[in-house]
């Protein structure tokens, strides 16, 4: 990605301006010459976004917006002795 600034700009346009997810942006870009020069997988793209390597793309631009997928637990109250 460091040498292919055209691919980086194309991804920024698709994700930020066109409001697409990183997955759909990669699907659209796969047929371009920029992608064929520097292929990138979805996990790598998400890693780059999480590390902050893009100037205009952040976690806030992704569909889940950086939310964790942890399960919500409820506190269990104490037993009352009768």
PDB file of N, CA and C in Angstrom:
ATOM      1  N   UNK A   1       0.817  -1.195   0.000  1.00  0.00           N
ATOM      2  CA  UNK A   1       0.000   0.000   0.000  1.00  0.00           C
ATOM      3  C   UNK A   1       0.861   1.260   0.000  1.00  0.00           C
ATOM      4  N   UNK A   2       2.062   1.153   0.504  1.00  0.00           N
ATOM      5  CA  UNK A   2       2.907   2.341   0.587  1.00  0.00           C
ATOM      6  C   UNK A   2       3.271   2.871  -0.798  1.00  0.00           C
ATOM      7  N   UNK A   3       3.403   1.975  -1.769  1.00  0.00           N
ATOM      8  CA  UNK A   3       3.800   2.419  -3.104  1.00  0.00           C
ATOM      9  C   UNK A   3       2.606   2.657  -4.029  1.00  0.00           C
ATOM     10  N   UNK A   4       1.439   2.178  -3.663  1.00  0.00           N
ATOM     11  CA  UNK A   4       0.275   2.283  -4.529  1.00  0.00           C
ATOM     12  C   UNK A   4      -0.729   3.278  -3.937  1.00  0.00           C
ATOM     13  N   UNK A   5      -0.460   4.551  -4.116  1.00  0.00           N
ATOM     14  CA  UNK A   5      -1.332   5.586  -3.571  1.00  0.00           C
ATOM     15  C   UNK A   5      -2.653   5.689  -4.326  1.00  0.00           C
ATOM     16  N   UNK A   6      -2.680   5.242  -5.563  1.00  0.00           N
ATOM     17  CA  UNK A   6      -3.931   5.266  -6.332  1.00  0.00           C
ATOM     18  C   UNK A   6      -4.942   4.295  -5.750  1.00  0.00           C
ATOM     19  N   UNK A   7      -4.477   3.129  -5.332  1.00  0.00           N
ATOM     20  CA  UNK A   7      -5.369   2.147  -4.698  1.00  0.00           C
ATOM     21  C   UNK A   7      -5.881   2.691  -3.365  1.00  0.00           C
ATOM     22  N   UNK A   8      -5.010   3.318  -2.620  1.00  0.00           N
ATOM     23  CA  UNK A   8      -5.406   3.902  -1.342  1.00  0.00           C
ATOM     24  C   UNK A   8      -6.488   4.962  -1.541  1.00  0.00           C
ATOM     25  N   UNK A   9      -6.306   5.827  -2.517  1.00  0.00           N
ATOM     26  CA  UNK A   9      -7.289   6.882  -2.794  1.00  0.00           C
ATOM     27  C   UNK A   9      -8.612   6.291  -3.275  1.00  0.00           C
ATOM     28  N   UNK A  10      -8.529   5.257  -4.099  1.00  0.00           N
ATOM     29  CA  UNK A  10      -9.736   4.596  -4.597  1.00  0.00           C
ATOM     30  C   UNK A  10     -10.523   3.961  -3.449  1.00  0.00           C
ATOM     31  N   UNK A  11      -9.817   3.340  -2.517  1.00  0.00           N
ATOM     32  CA  UNK A  11     -10.483   2.762  -1.341  1.00  0.00           C
ATOM     33  C   UNK A  11     -11.114   3.850  -0.476  1.00  0.00           C
ATOM     34  N   UNK A  12     -10.421   4.953  -0.313  1.00  0.00           N
ATOM     35  CA  UNK A  12     -10.975   6.055   0.475  1.00  0.00           C
ATOM     36  C   UNK A  12     -12.250   6.616  -0.153  1.00  0.00           C
ATOM     37  N   UNK A  13     -12.265   6.738  -1.461  1.00  0.00           N
ATOM     38  CA  UNK A  13     -13.457   7.245  -2.147  1.00  0.00           C
ATOM     39  C   UNK A  13     -14.620   6.283  -1.952  1.00  0.00           C
ATOM     40  N   UNK A  14     -14.369   4.990  -2.120  1.00  0.00           N
ATOM     41  CA  UNK A  14     -15.457   4.006  -2.001  1.00  0.00           C
ATOM     42  C   UNK A  14     -15.982   3.906  -0.573  1.00  0.00           C
ATOM     43  N   UNK A  15     -15.084   3.918   0.413  1.00  0.00           N
ATOM     44  CA  UNK A  15     -15.516   3.723   1.799  1.00  0.00           C
ATOM     45  C   UNK A  15     -16.092   5.004   2.396  1.00  0.00           C
ATOM     46  N   UNK A  16     -15.405   6.110   2.242  1.00  0.00           N
ATOM     47  CA  UNK A  16     -15.837   7.344   2.901  1.00  0.00           C
ATOM     48  C   UNK A  16     -16.894   8.080   2.079  1.00  0.00           C
ATOM     49  N   UNK A  17     -16.596   8.362   0.831  1.00  0.00           N
ATOM     50  CA  UNK A  17     -17.510   9.172   0.022  1.00  0.00           C
ATOM     51  C   UNK A  17     -18.766   8.408  -0.391  1.00  0.00           C
ATOM     52  N   UNK A  18     -18.598   7.155  -0.826  1.00  0.00           N
ATOM     53  CA  UNK A  18     -19.745   6.364  -1.277  1.00  0.00           C
ATOM     54  C   UNK A  18     -20.379   5.549  -0.164  1.00  0.00           C
ATOM     55  N   UNK A  19     -19.824   5.655   1.052  1.00  0.00           N
ATOM     56  CA  UNK A  19     -20.361   4.991   2.246  1.00  0.00           C
ATOM     57  C   UNK A  19     -20.533   3.484   2.055  1.00  0.00           C
ATOM     58  N   UNK A  20     -19.485   2.841   1.602  1.00  0.00           N
ATOM     59  CA  UNK A  20     -19.497   1.388   1.431  1.00  0.00           C
ATOM     60  C   UNK A  20     -18.679   0.742   2.539  1.00  0.00           C
ATOM     61  N   UNK A  21     -18.961  -0.531   2.796  1.00  0.00           N
ATOM     62  CA  UNK A  21     -18.145  -1.279   3.742  1.00  0.00           C
ATOM     63  C   UNK A  21     -16.822  -1.646   3.073  1.00  0.00           C
ATOM     64  N   UNK A  22     -15.791  -1.951   3.846  1.00  0.00           N
ATOM     65  CA  UNK A  22     -14.527  -2.370   3.236  1.00  0.00           C
ATOM     66  C   UNK A  22     -14.680  -3.588   2.333  1.00  0.00           C
ATOM     67  N   UNK A  23     -15.562  -4.510   2.687  1.00  0.00           N
ATOM     68  CA  UNK A  23     -15.787  -5.694   1.856  1.00  0.00           C
ATOM     69  C   UNK A  23     -16.343  -5.304   0.491  1.00  0.00           C
ATOM     70  N   UNK A  24     -17.388  -4.486   0.479  1.00  0.00           N
ATOM     71  CA  UNK A  24     -17.983  -4.118  -0.811  1.00  0.00           C
ATOM     72  C   UNK A  24     -17.046  -3.226  -1.622  1.00  0.00           C
ATOM     73  N   UNK A  25     -16.241  -2.397  -0.946  1.00  0.00           N
ATOM     74  CA  UNK A  25     -15.265  -1.574  -1.660  1.00  0.00           C
ATOM     75  C   UNK A  25     -14.231  -2.452  -2.357  1.00  0.00           C
ATOM     76  N   UNK A  26     -13.765  -3.504  -1.677  1.00  0.00           N
ATOM     77  CA  UNK A  26     -12.804  -4.417  -2.309  1.00  0.00           C
ATOM     78  C   UNK A  26     -13.432  -5.145  -3.489  1.00  0.00           C
ATOM     79  N   UNK A  27     -14.701  -5.529  -3.380  1.00  0.00           N
ATOM     80  CA  UNK A  27     -15.368  -6.227  -4.478  1.00  0.00           C
ATOM     81  C   UNK A  27     -15.480  -5.334  -5.714  1.00  0.00           C
ATOM     82  N   UNK A  28     -15.719  -4.069  -5.506  1.00  0.00           N
ATOM     83  CA  UNK A  28     -15.830  -3.133  -6.629  1.00  0.00           C
ATOM     84  C   UNK A  28     -14.469  -2.883  -7.264  1.00  0.00           C
ATOM     85  N   UNK A  29     -13.434  -2.792  -6.455  1.00  0.00           N
ATOM     86  CA  UNK A  29     -12.099  -2.430  -6.915  1.00  0.00           C
ATOM     87  C   UNK A  29     -11.332  -3.600  -7.531  1.00  0.00           C
ATOM     88  N   UNK A  30     -11.766  -4.835  -7.299  1.00  0.00           N
ATOM     89  CA  UNK A  30     -10.997  -6.013  -7.718  1.00  0.00           C
ATOM     90  C   UNK A  30     -10.651  -6.066  -9.202  1.00  0.00           C
ATOM     91  N   UNK A  31     -11.424  -5.463 -10.044  1.00  0.00           N
ATOM     92  CA  UNK A  31     -11.169  -5.527 -11.484  1.00  0.00           C
ATOM     93  C   UNK A  31     -10.290  -4.399 -11.998  1.00  0.00           C
ATOM     94  N   UNK A  32      -9.890  -3.486 -11.140  1.00  0.00           N
ATOM     95  CA  UNK A  32      -9.078  -2.354 -11.594  1.00  0.00           C
ATOM     96  C   UNK A  32      -7.598  -2.745 -11.681  1.00  0.00           C
ATOM     97  N   UNK A  33      -6.858  -1.973 -12.435  1.00  0.00           N
ATOM     98  CA  UNK A  33      -5.420  -2.233 -12.595  1.00  0.00           C
ATOM     99  C   UNK A  33      -4.672  -1.926 -11.300  1.00  0.00           C
ATOM    100  N   UNK A  34      -5.175  -0.987 -10.502  1.00  0.00           N
ATOM    101  CA  UNK A  34      -4.519  -0.643  -9.240  1.00  0.00           C
ATOM    102  C   UNK A  34      -4.533  -1.823  -8.279  1.00  0.00           C
ATOM    103  N   UNK A  35      -5.668  -2.532  -8.224  1.00  0.00           N
ATOM    104  CA  UNK A  35      -5.780  -3.688  -7.337  1.00  0.00           C
ATOM    105  C   UNK A  35      -4.892  -4.827  -7.821  1.00  0.00           C
ATOM    106  N   UNK A  36      -4.838  -5.026  -9.128  1.00  0.00           N
ATOM    107  CA  UNK A  36      -4.020  -6.112  -9.678  1.00  0.00           C
ATOM    108  C   UNK A  36      -2.534  -5.862  -9.450  1.00  0.00           C
ATOM    109  N   UNK A  37      -2.158  -4.588  -9.364  1.00  0.00           N
ATOM    110  CA  UNK A  37      -0.762  -4.241  -9.078  1.00  0.00           C
ATOM    111  C   UNK A  37      -0.401  -4.565  -7.624  1.00  0.00           C
ATOM    112  N   UNK A  38      -1.316  -4.267  -6.703  1.00  0.00           N
ATOM    113  CA  UNK A  38      -1.105  -4.529  -5.283  1.00  0.00           C
ATOM    114  C   UNK A  38      -2.360  -5.166  -4.704  1.00  0.00           C
ATOM    115  N   UNK A  39      -2.520  -6.485  -4.814  1.00  0.00           N
ATOM    116  CA  UNK A  39      -3.715  -7.118  -4.241  1.00  0.00           C
ATOM    117  C   UNK A  39      -3.691  -7.059  -2.712  1.00  0.00           C
ATOM    118  N   UNK A  40      -4.844  -6.905  -2.139  1.00  0.00           N
ATOM    119  CA  UNK A  40      -4.965  -6.799  -0.686  1.00  0.00           C
ATOM    120  C   UNK A  40      -6.187  -7.593  -0.258  1.00  0.00           C
ATOM    121  N   UNK A  41      -6.081  -8.334   0.840  1.00  0.00           N
ATOM    122  CA  UNK A  41      -7.229  -9.116   1.308  1.00  0.00           C
ATOM    123  C   UNK A  41      -8.032  -8.296   2.311  1.00  0.00           C
ATOM    124  N   UNK A  42      -9.207  -8.772   2.626  1.00  0.00           N
ATOM    125  CA  UNK A  42     -10.125  -8.047   3.491  1.00  0.00           C
ATOM    126  C   UNK A  42      -9.549  -7.883   4.897  1.00  0.00           C
ATOM    127  N   UNK A  43      -8.967  -8.945   5.445  1.00  0.00           N
ATOM    128  CA  UNK A  43      -8.413  -8.878   6.801  1.00  0.00           C
ATOM    129  C   UNK A  43      -7.278  -7.856   6.876  1.00  0.00           C
ATOM    130  N   UNK A  44      -6.442  -7.823   5.845  1.00  0.00           N
ATOM    131  CA  UNK A  44      -5.351  -6.851   5.809  1.00  0.00           C
ATOM    132  C   UNK A  44      -5.898  -5.437   5.749  1.00  0.00           C
ATOM    133  N   UNK A  45      -6.957  -5.231   4.975  1.00  0.00           N
ATOM    134  CA  UNK A  45      -7.575  -3.909   4.887  1.00  0.00           C
ATOM    135  C   UNK A  45      -8.104  -3.470   6.249  1.00  0.00           C
ATOM    136  N   UNK A  46      -8.784  -4.361   6.956  1.00  0.00           N
ATOM    137  CA  UNK A  46      -9.277  -4.033   8.291  1.00  0.00           C
ATOM    138  C   UNK A  46      -8.119  -3.764   9.254  1.00  0.00           C
ATOM    139  N   UNK A  47      -7.029  -4.530   9.146  1.00  0.00           N
ATOM    140  CA  UNK A  47      -5.861  -4.285   9.997  1.00  0.00           C
ATOM    141  C   UNK A  47      -5.270  -2.913   9.732  1.00  0.00           C
ATOM    142  N   UNK A  48      -5.171  -2.524   8.463  1.00  0.00           N
ATOM    143  CA  UNK A  48      -4.654  -1.202   8.109  1.00  0.00           C
ATOM    144  C   UNK A  48      -5.547  -0.100   8.661  1.00  0.00           C
ATOM    145  N   UNK A  49      -6.853  -0.300   8.597  1.00  0.00           N
ATOM    146  CA  UNK A  49      -7.791   0.691   9.128  1.00  0.00           C
ATOM    147  C   UNK A  49      -7.636   0.796  10.645  1.00  0.00           C
ATOM    148  N   UNK A  50      -7.529  -0.357  11.324  1.00  0.00           N
ATOM    149  CA  UNK A  50      -7.388  -0.353  12.782  1.00  0.00           C
ATOM    150  C   UNK A  50      -6.070   0.282  13.236  1.00  0.00           C
ATOM    151  N   UNK A  51      -5.009   0.119  12.438  1.00  0.00           N
ATOM    152  CA  UNK A  51      -3.716   0.703  12.790  1.00  0.00           C
ATOM    153  C   UNK A  51      -3.644   2.187  12.445  1.00  0.00           C
ATOM    154  N   UNK A  52      -4.618   2.698  11.693  1.00  0.00           N
ATOM    155  CA  UNK A  52      -4.643   4.111  11.342  1.00  0.00           C
ATOM    156  C   UNK A  52      -3.710   4.465  10.202  1.00  0.00           C
ATOM    157  N   UNK A  53      -3.460   3.536   9.280  1.00  0.00           N
ATOM    158  CA  UNK A  53      -2.549   3.796   8.179  1.00  0.00           C
ATOM    159  C   UNK A  53      -3.178   4.623   7.064  1.00  0.00           C
ATOM    160  N   UNK A  54      -4.498   4.693   7.012  1.00  0.00           N
ATOM    161  CA  UNK A  54      -5.179   5.525   6.021  1.00  0.00           C
ATOM    162  C   UNK A  54      -5.399   6.916   6.615  1.00  0.00           C
ATOM    163  N   UNK A  55      -5.262   7.919   5.791  1.00  0.00           N
ATOM    164  CA  UNK A  55      -5.442   9.284   6.279  1.00  0.00           C
ATOM    165  C   UNK A  55      -6.909   9.616   6.517  1.00  0.00           C
ATOM    166  N   UNK A  56      -7.791   9.163   5.639  1.00  0.00           N
ATOM    167  CA  UNK A  56      -9.193   9.563   5.702  1.00  0.00           C
ATOM    168  C   UNK A  56     -10.147   8.463   6.129  1.00  0.00           C
ATOM    169  N   UNK A  57      -9.647   7.257   6.383  1.00  0.00           N
ATOM    170  CA  UNK A  57     -10.518   6.149   6.781  1.00  0.00           C
ATOM    171  C   UNK A  57     -10.233   5.814   8.234  1.00  0.00           C
ATOM    172  N   UNK A  58     -11.295   5.699   9.024  1.00  0.00           N
ATOM    173  CA  UNK A  58     -11.146   5.285  10.414  1.00  0.00           C
ATOM    174  C   UNK A  58     -12.177   4.199  10.709  1.00  0.00           C
ATOM    175  N   UNK A  59     -12.179   3.718  11.930  1.00  0.00           N
ATOM    176  CA  UNK A  59     -13.157   2.702  12.323  1.00  0.00           C
ATOM    177  C   UNK A  59     -14.576   3.224  12.214  1.00  0.00           C
ATOM    178  N   UNK A  60     -14.732   4.525  12.370  1.00  0.00           N
ATOM    179  CA  UNK A  60     -16.068   5.128  12.302  1.00  0.00           C
ATOM    180  C   UNK A  60     -16.689   5.001  10.915  1.00  0.00           C
ATOM    181  N   UNK A  61     -15.860   4.787   9.900  1.00  0.00           N
ATOM    182  CA  UNK A  61     -16.372   4.646   8.540  1.00  0.00           C
ATOM    183  C   UNK A  61     -16.806   3.217   8.229  1.00  0.00           C
ATOM    184  N   UNK A  62     -16.481   2.272   9.093  1.00  0.00           N
ATOM    185  CA  UNK A  62     -16.858   0.867   8.887  1.00  0.00           C
ATOM    186  C   UNK A  62     -18.276   0.647   9.402  1.00  0.00           C
ATOM    187  N   UNK A  63     -18.954  -0.372   8.917  1.00  0.00           N
ATOM    188  CA  UNK A  63     -20.349  -0.593   9.316  1.00  0.00           C
ATOM    189  C   UNK A  63     -20.538  -0.817  10.819  1.00  0.00           C
ATOM    190  N   UNK A  64     -19.611  -1.548  11.461  1.00  0.00           N
ATOM    191  CA  UNK A  64     -19.767  -1.833  12.886  1.00  0.00           C
ATOM    192  C   UNK A  64     -19.228  -0.716  13.763  1.00  0.00           C
ATOM    193  N   UNK A  65     -18.482   0.197  13.176  1.00  0.00           N
ATOM    194  CA  UNK A  65     -17.974   1.391  13.848  1.00  0.00           C
ATOM    195  C   UNK A  65     -17.138   1.080  15.085  1.00  0.00           C
ATOM    196  N   UNK A  66     -16.378  -0.011  15.031  1.00  0.00           N
ATOM    197  CA  UNK A  66     -15.453  -0.321  16.109  1.00  0.00           C
ATOM    198  C   UNK A  66     -16.091  -0.934  17.342  1.00  0.00           C
ATOM    199  N   UNK A  67     -17.336  -1.354  17.246  1.00  0.00           N
ATOM    200  CA  UNK A  67     -17.999  -1.962  18.395  1.00  0.00           C
ATOM    201  C   UNK A  67     -17.479  -3.369  18.605  1.00  0.00           C
ATOM    202  N   UNK A  68     -17.420  -3.786  19.834  1.00  0.00           N
ATOM    203  CA  UNK A  68     -16.964  -5.142  20.114  1.00  0.00           C
ATOM    204  C   UNK A  68     -18.133  -6.106  19.966  1.00  0.00           C
ATOM    205  N   UNK A  69     -17.822  -7.351  19.816  1.00  0.00           N
ATOM    206  CA  UNK A  69     -18.873  -8.351  19.640  1.00  0.00           C
ATOM    207  C   UNK A  69     -19.027  -9.186  20.903  1.00  0.00           C
ATOM    208  N   UNK A  70     -18.666  -8.615  22.038  1.00  0.00           N
ATOM    209  CA  UNK A  70     -18.781  -9.356  23.283  1.00  0.00           C
ATOM    210  C   UNK A  70     -20.230  -9.492  23.709  1.00  0.00           C
ATOM    211  N   UNK A  71     -20.491 -10.590  24.368  1.00  0.00           N
ATOM    212  CA  UNK A  71     -21.834 -10.873  24.834  1.00  0.00           C
ATOM    213  C   UNK A  71     -22.146 -10.011  26.049  1.00  0.00           C
ATOM    214  N   UNK A  72     -23.367  -9.562  26.157  1.00  0.00           N
ATOM    215  CA  UNK A  72     -23.791  -8.757  27.290  1.00  0.00           C
ATOM    216  C   UNK A  72     -24.238  -9.692  28.420  1.00  0.00           C
ATOM    217  N   UNK A  73     -23.647  -9.528  29.582  1.00  0.00           N
ATOM    218  CA  UNK A  73     -23.996 -10.348  30.733  1.00  0.00           C
ATOM    219  C   UNK A  73     -24.803  -9.520  31.725  1.00  0.00           C
ATOM    220  N   UNK A  74     -25.745 -10.171  32.378  1.00  0.00           N
ATOM    221  CA  UNK A  74     -26.529  -9.514  33.407  1.00  0.00           C
ATOM    222  C   UNK A  74     -26.012  -9.962  34.765  1.00  0.00           C
ATOM    223  N   UNK A  75     -26.000  -9.042  35.706  1.00  0.00           N
ATOM    224  CA  UNK A  75     -25.581  -9.399  37.050  1.00  0.00           C
ATOM    225  C   UNK A  75     -26.688 -10.199  37.717  1.00  0.00           C
ATOM    226  N   UNK A  76     -26.270 -11.212  38.428  1.00  0.00           N
ATOM    227  CA  UNK A  76     -27.218 -12.052  39.130  1.00  0.00           C
ATOM    228  C   UNK A  76     -27.273 -11.565  40.569  1.00  0.00           C
ATOM    229  N   UNK A  77     -28.471 -11.327  41.063  1.00  0.00           N
ATOM    230  CA  UNK A  77     -28.624 -10.849  42.427  1.00  0.00           C
ATOM    231  C   UNK A  77     -28.337 -11.939  43.443  1.00  0.00           C
ATOM    232  N   UNK A  78     -28.159 -11.525  44.687  1.00  0.00           N
ATOM    233  CA  UNK A  78     -27.891 -12.481  45.754  1.00  0.00           C
ATOM    234  C   UNK A  78     -29.152 -13.258  46.090  1.00  0.00           C
ATOM    235  N   UNK A  79     -28.952 -14.486  46.586  1.00  0.00           N
ATOM    236  CA  UNK A  79     -30.093 -15.301  46.999  1.00  0.00           C
ATOM    237  C   UNK A  79     -30.624 -14.769  48.323  1.00  0.00           C
ATOM    238  N   UNK A  80     -31.912 -14.757  48.418  1.00  0.00           N
ATOM    239  CA  UNK A  80     -32.499 -14.391  49.718  1.00  0.00           C
ATOM    240  C   UNK A  80     -32.821 -15.683  50.456  1.00  0.00           C
ATOM    241  N   UNK A  81     -32.411 -15.756  51.719  1.00  0.00           N
ATOM    242  CA  UNK A  81     -32.637 -16.988  52.490  1.00  0.00           C
ATOM    243  C   UNK A  81     -33.938 -16.879  53.226  1.00  0.00           C
ATOM    244  N   UNK A  82     -34.733 -17.886  53.107  1.00  0.00           N
ATOM    245  CA  UNK A  82     -36.054 -17.897  53.732  1.00  0.00           C
ATOM    246  C   UNK A  82     -36.071 -18.881  54.859  1.00  0.00           C
TER     247      UNK A  82
END
